Amino acid sequence: MVVSSEPIWGELVEDFTREYQNAVVYADMDRETVLHEGAVRLLANGWVELPTGRLLSPDAVHHIDTQTE
């Protein structure tokens, strides 16, 4: 039997993480308050990671518009 010391969560979390190169993160439904424009990484727990490493809470983000290139 093979037993790993690495948690299985690491692999599962990566399956649910999405990266977008061209996105707009809004704080409101009316698209009046822009929190970020550009690349983002949407984490499995709902937090949004910016290229600077800063995290935006799911409570602060209303929605994200993404554009495919």
PDB file of N, CA and C in Angstrom:
ATOM      1  N   MET A   1       0.851  -1.166   0.000  1.00  0.00           N
ATOM      2  CA  MET A   1       0.000   0.000   0.000  1.00  0.00           C
ATOM      3  C   MET A   1       0.905   1.241   0.000  1.00  0.00           C
ATOM      4  N   VAL A   2       0.518   2.232  -0.797  1.00  0.00           N
ATOM      5  CA  VAL A   2       1.247   3.494  -0.875  1.00  0.00           C
ATOM      6  C   VAL A   2       0.463   4.554  -0.115  1.00  0.00           C
ATOM      7  N   VAL A   3       1.129   5.205   0.818  1.00  0.00           N
ATOM      8  CA  VAL A   3       0.496   6.261   1.594  1.00  0.00           C
ATOM      9  C   VAL A   3       1.278   7.542   1.347  1.00  0.00           C
ATOM     10  N   SER A   4       0.564   8.591   0.980  1.00  0.00           N
ATOM     11  CA  SER A   4       1.197   9.877   0.702  1.00  0.00           C
ATOM     12  C   SER A   4       1.079  10.793   1.907  1.00  0.00           C
ATOM     13  N   SER A   5       2.087  11.619   2.099  1.00  0.00           N
ATOM     14  CA  SER A   5       2.024  12.612   3.171  1.00  0.00           C
ATOM     15  C   SER A   5       1.385  13.911   2.699  1.00  0.00           C
ATOM     16  N   GLU A   6       1.089  13.984   1.389  1.00  0.00           N
ATOM     17  CA  GLU A   6       0.463  15.178   0.813  1.00  0.00           C
ATOM     18  C   GLU A   6      -1.055  15.067   0.901  1.00  0.00           C
ATOM     19  N   PRO A   7      -1.737  16.132   1.326  1.00  0.00           N
ATOM     20  CA  PRO A   7      -3.205  16.077   1.399  1.00  0.00           C
ATOM     21  C   PRO A   7      -3.825  16.028   0.004  1.00  0.00           C
ATOM     22  N   ILE A   8      -4.911  15.313  -0.111  1.00  0.00           N
ATOM     23  CA  ILE A   8      -5.617  15.197  -1.389  1.00  0.00           C
ATOM     24  C   ILE A   8      -6.282  16.517  -1.777  1.00  0.00           C
ATOM     25  N   TRP A   9      -6.546  17.375  -0.796  1.00  0.00           N
ATOM     26  CA  TRP A   9      -7.232  18.641  -1.069  1.00  0.00           C
ATOM     27  C   TRP A   9      -6.472  19.492  -2.070  1.00  0.00           C
ATOM     28  N   GLY A  10      -5.146  19.457  -2.033  1.00  0.00           N
ATOM     29  CA  GLY A  10      -4.347  20.271  -2.946  1.00  0.00           C
ATOM     30  C   GLY A  10      -4.674  19.992  -4.397  1.00  0.00           C
ATOM     31  N   GLU A  11      -4.801  18.720  -4.741  1.00  0.00           N
ATOM     32  CA  GLU A  11      -5.131  18.345  -6.116  1.00  0.00           C
ATOM     33  C   GLU A  11      -6.567  18.719  -6.462  1.00  0.00           C
ATOM     34  N   LEU A  12      -7.483  18.501  -5.543  1.00  0.00           N
ATOM     35  CA  LEU A  12      -8.891  18.805  -5.802  1.00  0.00           C
ATOM     36  C   LEU A  12      -9.129  20.304  -5.961  1.00  0.00           C
ATOM     37  N   VAL A  13      -8.465  21.103  -5.139  1.00  0.00           N
ATOM     38  CA  VAL A  13      -8.634  22.550  -5.198  1.00  0.00           C
ATOM     39  C   VAL A  13      -8.185  23.075  -6.558  1.00  0.00           C
ATOM     40  N   GLU A  14      -7.093  22.564  -7.068  1.00  0.00           N
ATOM     41  CA  GLU A  14      -6.589  23.014  -8.370  1.00  0.00           C
ATOM     42  C   GLU A  14      -7.586  22.705  -9.487  1.00  0.00           C
ATOM     43  N   ASP A  15      -8.357  21.638  -9.345  1.00  0.00           N
ATOM     44  CA  ASP A  15      -9.364  21.288 -10.355  1.00  0.00           C
ATOM     45  C   ASP A  15     -10.477  22.335 -10.427  1.00  0.00           C
ATOM     46  N   PHE A  16     -10.713  23.029  -9.326  1.00  0.00           N
ATOM     47  CA  PHE A  16     -11.799  24.004  -9.271  1.00  0.00           C
ATOM     48  C   PHE A  16     -11.314  25.445  -9.359  1.00  0.00           C
ATOM     49  N   THR A  17     -10.037  25.647  -9.555  1.00  0.00           N
ATOM     50  CA  THR A  17      -9.455  26.981  -9.697  1.00  0.00           C
ATOM     51  C   THR A  17      -9.492  27.376 -11.164  1.00  0.00           C
ATOM     52  N   ARG A  18      -9.929  28.610 -11.449  1.00  0.00           N
ATOM     53  CA  ARG A  18     -10.005  29.098 -12.827  1.00  0.00           C
ATOM     54  C   ARG A  18      -9.189  30.369 -12.963  1.00  0.00           C
ATOM     55  N   GLU A  19      -8.490  30.497 -14.070  1.00  0.00           N
ATOM     56  CA  GLU A  19      -7.698  31.693 -14.353  1.00  0.00           C
ATOM     57  C   GLU A  19      -8.240  32.373 -15.599  1.00  0.00           C
ATOM     58  N   TYR A  20      -8.339  33.695 -15.522  1.00  0.00           N
ATOM     59  CA  TYR A  20      -8.813  34.504 -16.647  1.00  0.00           C
ATOM     60  C   TYR A  20      -7.812  35.625 -16.887  1.00  0.00           C
ATOM     61  N   GLN A  21      -7.403  35.806 -18.115  1.00  0.00           N
ATOM     62  CA  GLN A  21      -6.427  36.839 -18.453  1.00  0.00           C
ATOM     63  C   GLN A  21      -7.075  38.207 -18.659  1.00  0.00           C
ATOM     64  N   ASN A  22      -8.332  38.210 -19.059  1.00  0.00           N
ATOM     65  CA  ASN A  22      -9.021  39.458 -19.360  1.00  0.00           C
ATOM     66  C   ASN A  22     -10.387  39.452 -18.673  1.00  0.00           C
ATOM     67  N   ALA A  23     -10.455  40.028 -17.474  1.00  0.00           N
ATOM     68  CA  ALA A  23     -11.686  40.014 -16.695  1.00  0.00           C
ATOM     69  C   ALA A  23     -11.906  41.370 -16.041  1.00  0.00           C
ATOM     70  N   VAL A  24     -13.166  41.623 -15.712  1.00  0.00           N
ATOM     71  CA  VAL A  24     -13.532  42.813 -14.947  1.00  0.00           C
ATOM     72  C   VAL A  24     -14.304  42.328 -13.721  1.00  0.00           C
ATOM     73  N   VAL A  25     -13.842  42.724 -12.545  1.00  0.00           N
ATOM     74  CA  VAL A  25     -14.464  42.317 -11.286  1.00  0.00           C
ATOM     75  C   VAL A  25     -15.284  43.484 -10.764  1.00  0.00           C
ATOM     76  N   TYR A  26     -16.577  43.250 -10.563  1.00  0.00           N
ATOM     77  CA  TYR A  26     -17.498  44.298 -10.122  1.00  0.00           C
ATOM     78  C   TYR A  26     -17.957  44.063  -8.685  1.00  0.00           C
ATOM     79  N   ALA A  27     -18.203  45.162  -7.987  1.00  0.00           N
ATOM     80  CA  ALA A  27     -18.718  45.107  -6.620  1.00  0.00           C
ATOM     81  C   ALA A  27     -20.231  45.260  -6.577  1.00  0.00           C
ATOM     82  N   ASP A  28     -20.839  45.609  -7.708  1.00  0.00           N
ATOM     83  CA  ASP A  28     -22.286  45.837  -7.721  1.00  0.00           C
ATOM     84  C   ASP A  28     -22.916  45.323  -9.010  1.00  0.00           C
ATOM     85  N   MET A  29     -24.224  45.122  -8.972  1.00  0.00           N
ATOM     86  CA  MET A  29     -24.954  44.600 -10.112  1.00  0.00           C
ATOM     87  C   MET A  29     -24.990  45.589 -11.279  1.00  0.00           C
ATOM     88  N   ASP A  30     -24.977  46.876 -10.992  1.00  0.00           N
ATOM     89  CA  ASP A  30     -25.095  47.896 -12.035  1.00  0.00           C
ATOM     90  C   ASP A  30     -23.787  48.187 -12.771  1.00  0.00           C
ATOM     91  N   ARG A  31     -22.730  47.489 -12.402  1.00  0.00           N
ATOM     92  CA  ARG A  31     -21.425  47.653 -13.041  1.00  0.00           C
ATOM     93  C   ARG A  31     -20.862  49.069 -12.893  1.00  0.00           C
ATOM     94  N   GLU A  32     -21.150  49.685 -11.771  1.00  0.00           N
ATOM     95  CA  GLU A  32     -20.644  51.037 -11.518  1.00  0.00           C
ATOM     96  C   GLU A  32     -19.335  51.021 -10.728  1.00  0.00           C
ATOM     97  N   THR A  33     -19.163  49.999  -9.893  1.00  0.00           N
ATOM     98  CA  THR A  33     -17.972  49.923  -9.051  1.00  0.00           C
ATOM     99  C   THR A  33     -17.077  48.782  -9.525  1.00  0.00           C
ATOM    100  N   VAL A  34     -15.979  49.153 -10.175  1.00  0.00           N
ATOM    101  CA  VAL A  34     -15.016  48.176 -10.677  1.00  0.00           C
ATOM    102  C   VAL A  34     -13.939  47.971  -9.615  1.00  0.00           C
ATOM    103  N   LEU A  35     -13.754  46.729  -9.209  1.00  0.00           N
ATOM    104  CA  LEU A  35     -12.723  46.409  -8.226  1.00  0.00           C
ATOM    105  C   LEU A  35     -11.385  46.097  -8.886  1.00  0.00           C
ATOM    106  N   HIS A  36     -11.435  45.540 -10.101  1.00  0.00           N
ATOM    107  CA  HIS A  36     -10.199  45.171 -10.787  1.00  0.00           C
ATOM    108  C   HIS A  36     -10.491  44.903 -12.260  1.00  0.00           C
ATOM    109  N   GLU A  37      -9.525  45.243 -13.105  1.00  0.00           N
ATOM    110  CA  GLU A  37      -9.569  44.892 -14.529  1.00  0.00           C
ATOM    111  C   GLU A  37      -8.259  44.215 -14.881  1.00  0.00           C
ATOM    112  N   GLY A  38      -8.341  43.110 -15.598  1.00  0.00           N
ATOM    113  CA  GLY A  38      -7.140  42.395 -16.012  1.00  0.00           C
ATOM    114  C   GLY A  38      -7.198  40.941 -15.588  1.00  0.00           C
ATOM    115  N   ALA A  39      -6.035  40.353 -15.386  1.00  0.00           N
ATOM    116  CA  ALA A  39      -5.939  38.945 -15.036  1.00  0.00           C
ATOM    117  C   ALA A  39      -6.419  38.700 -13.605  1.00  0.00           C
ATOM    118  N   VAL A  40      -7.132  37.595 -13.419  1.00  0.00           N
ATOM    119  CA  VAL A  40      -7.577  37.166 -12.093  1.00  0.00           C
ATOM    120  C   VAL A  40      -7.518  35.649 -12.017  1.00  0.00           C
ATOM    121  N   ARG A  41      -7.495  35.194 -10.797  1.00  0.00           N
ATOM    122  CA  ARG A  41      -7.548  33.757 -10.539  1.00  0.00           C
ATOM    123  C   ARG A  41      -8.680  33.534  -9.560  1.00  0.00           C
ATOM    124  N   LEU A  42      -9.691  32.778  -9.964  1.00  0.00           N
ATOM    125  CA  LEU A  42     -10.839  32.486  -9.116  1.00  0.00           C
ATOM    126  C   LEU A  42     -10.556  31.190  -8.375  1.00  0.00           C
ATOM    127  N   LEU A  43     -10.431  31.284  -7.059  1.00  0.00           N
ATOM    128  CA  LEU A  43     -10.088  30.131  -6.243  1.00  0.00           C
ATOM    129  C   LEU A  43     -11.321  29.296  -5.919  1.00  0.00           C
ATOM    130  N   ALA A  44     -11.109  28.065  -5.545  1.00  0.00           N
ATOM    131  CA  ALA A  44     -12.199  27.130  -5.273  1.00  0.00           C
ATOM    132  C   ALA A  44     -13.097  27.594  -4.133  1.00  0.00           C
ATOM    133  N   ASN A  45     -12.554  28.383  -3.207  1.00  0.00           N
ATOM    134  CA  ASN A  45     -13.345  28.855  -2.064  1.00  0.00           C
ATOM    135  C   ASN A  45     -14.093  30.158  -2.349  1.00  0.00           C
ATOM    136  N   GLY A  46     -14.023  30.639  -3.605  1.00  0.00           N
ATOM    137  CA  GLY A  46     -14.756  31.845  -3.990  1.00  0.00           C
ATOM    138  C   GLY A  46     -13.949  33.125  -3.925  1.00  0.00           C
ATOM    139  N   TRP A  47     -12.785  33.091  -3.327  1.00  0.00           N
ATOM    140  CA  TRP A  47     -11.933  34.271  -3.262  1.00  0.00           C
ATOM    141  C   TRP A  47     -11.327  34.525  -4.630  1.00  0.00           C
ATOM    142  N   VAL A  48     -11.065  35.789  -4.935  1.00  0.00           N
ATOM    143  CA  VAL A  48     -10.476  36.186  -6.211  1.00  0.00           C
ATOM    144  C   VAL A  48      -9.057  36.670  -5.946  1.00  0.00           C
ATOM    145  N   GLU A  49      -8.087  36.028  -6.588  1.00  0.00           N
ATOM    146  CA  GLU A  49      -6.686  36.408  -6.419  1.00  0.00           C
ATOM    147  C   GLU A  49      -6.251  37.281  -7.589  1.00  0.00           C
ATOM    148  N   LEU A  50      -5.666  38.434  -7.263  1.00  0.00           N
ATOM    149  CA  LEU A  50      -5.152  39.355  -8.270  1.00  0.00           C
ATOM    150  C   LEU A  50      -3.684  39.040  -8.539  1.00  0.00           C
ATOM    151  N   PRO A  51      -3.138  39.503  -9.669  1.00  0.00           N
ATOM    152  CA  PRO A  51      -1.731  39.228  -9.985  1.00  0.00           C
ATOM    153  C   PRO A  51      -0.747  39.702  -8.906  1.00  0.00           C
ATOM    154  N   THR A  52      -1.123  40.694  -8.130  1.00  0.00           N
ATOM    155  CA  THR A  52      -0.262  41.202  -7.061  1.00  0.00           C
ATOM    156  C   THR A  52      -0.250  40.296  -5.834  1.00  0.00           C
ATOM    157  N   GLY A  53      -1.138  39.289  -5.822  1.00  0.00           N
ATOM    158  CA  GLY A  53      -1.264  38.413  -4.664  1.00  0.00           C
ATOM    159  C   GLY A  53      -2.385  38.830  -3.735  1.00  0.00           C
ATOM    160  N   ARG A  54      -2.930  40.011  -3.962  1.00  0.00           N
ATOM    161  CA  ARG A  54      -4.041  40.493  -3.132  1.00  0.00           C
ATOM    162  C   ARG A  54      -5.265  39.615  -3.378  1.00  0.00           C
ATOM    163  N   LEU A  55      -6.050  39.404  -2.328  1.00  0.00           N
ATOM    164  CA  LEU A  55      -7.254  38.596  -2.423  1.00  0.00           C
ATOM    165  C   LEU A  55      -8.489  39.459  -2.222  1.00  0.00           C
ATOM    166  N   LEU A  56      -9.501  39.219  -3.043  1.00  0.00           N
ATOM    167  CA  LEU A  56     -10.789  39.882  -2.879  1.00  0.00           C
ATOM    168  C   LEU A  56     -11.778  38.875  -2.308  1.00  0.00           C
ATOM    169  N   SER A  57     -12.453  39.271  -1.255  1.00  0.00           N
ATOM    170  CA  SER A  57     -13.409  38.406  -0.582  1.00  0.00           C
ATOM    171  C   SER A  57     -14.625  38.133  -1.466  1.00  0.00           C
ATOM    172  N   PRO A  58     -15.204  36.945  -1.367  1.00  0.00           N
ATOM    173  CA  PRO A  58     -16.448  36.673  -2.093  1.00  0.00           C
ATOM    174  C   PRO A  58     -17.572  37.630  -1.694  1.00  0.00           C
ATOM    175  N   ASP A  59     -17.510  38.161  -0.477  1.00  0.00           N
ATOM    176  CA  ASP A  59     -18.524  39.122  -0.020  1.00  0.00           C
ATOM    177  C   ASP A  59     -18.383  40.466  -0.721  1.00  0.00           C
ATOM    178  N   ALA A  60     -17.192  40.795  -1.204  1.00  0.00           N
ATOM    179  CA  ALA A  60     -16.955  42.078  -1.863  1.00  0.00           C
ATOM    180  C   ALA A  60     -17.255  42.036  -3.347  1.00  0.00           C
ATOM    181  N   VAL A  61     -17.238  40.844  -3.924  1.00  0.00           N
ATOM    182  CA  VAL A  61     -17.398  40.693  -5.378  1.00  0.00           C
ATOM    183  C   VAL A  61     -18.840  40.333  -5.709  1.00  0.00           C
ATOM    184  N   HIS A  62     -19.472  41.142  -6.557  1.00  0.00           N
ATOM    185  CA  HIS A  62     -20.820  40.811  -7.013  1.00  0.00           C
ATOM    186  C   HIS A  62     -20.759  39.846  -8.183  1.00  0.00           C
ATOM    187  N   HIS A  63     -19.951  40.184  -9.195  1.00  0.00           N
ATOM    188  CA  HIS A  63     -19.770  39.279 -10.320  1.00  0.00           C
ATOM    189  C   HIS A  63     -18.506  39.618 -11.085  1.00  0.00           C
ATOM    190  N   ILE A  64     -18.129  38.695 -11.957  1.00  0.00           N
ATOM    191  CA  ILE A  64     -16.936  38.853 -12.797  1.00  0.00           C
ATOM    192  C   ILE A  64     -17.346  38.643 -14.247  1.00  0.00           C
ATOM    193  N   ASP A  65     -17.025  39.619 -15.086  1.00  0.00           N
ATOM    194  CA  ASP A  65     -17.225  39.457 -16.528  1.00  0.00           C
ATOM    195  C   ASP A  65     -15.893  39.021 -17.120  1.00  0.00           C
ATOM    196  N   THR A  66     -15.921  37.961 -17.889  1.00  0.00           N
ATOM    197  CA  THR A  66     -14.697  37.478 -18.531  1.00  0.00           C
ATOM    198  C   THR A  66     -14.856  37.569 -20.033  1.00  0.00           C
ATOM    199  N   GLN A  67     -13.730  37.774 -20.692  1.00  0.00           N
ATOM    200  CA  GLN A  67     -13.722  37.822 -22.148  1.00  0.00           C
ATOM    201  C   GLN A  67     -12.761  36.766 -22.641  1.00  0.00           C
ATOM    202  N   THR A  68     -13.209  35.954 -23.569  1.00  0.00           N
ATOM    203  CA  THR A  68     -12.319  34.973 -24.167  1.00  0.00           C
ATOM    204  C   THR A  68     -11.619  35.594 -25.345  1.00  0.00           C
ATOM    205  N   GLU A  69     -10.384  35.237 -25.504  1.00  0.00           N
ATOM    206  CA  GLU A  69      -9.578  35.829 -26.580  1.00  0.00           C
ATOM    207  C   GLU A  69      -9.559  34.948 -27.796  1.00  0.00           C
TER     208      GLU A  69
END
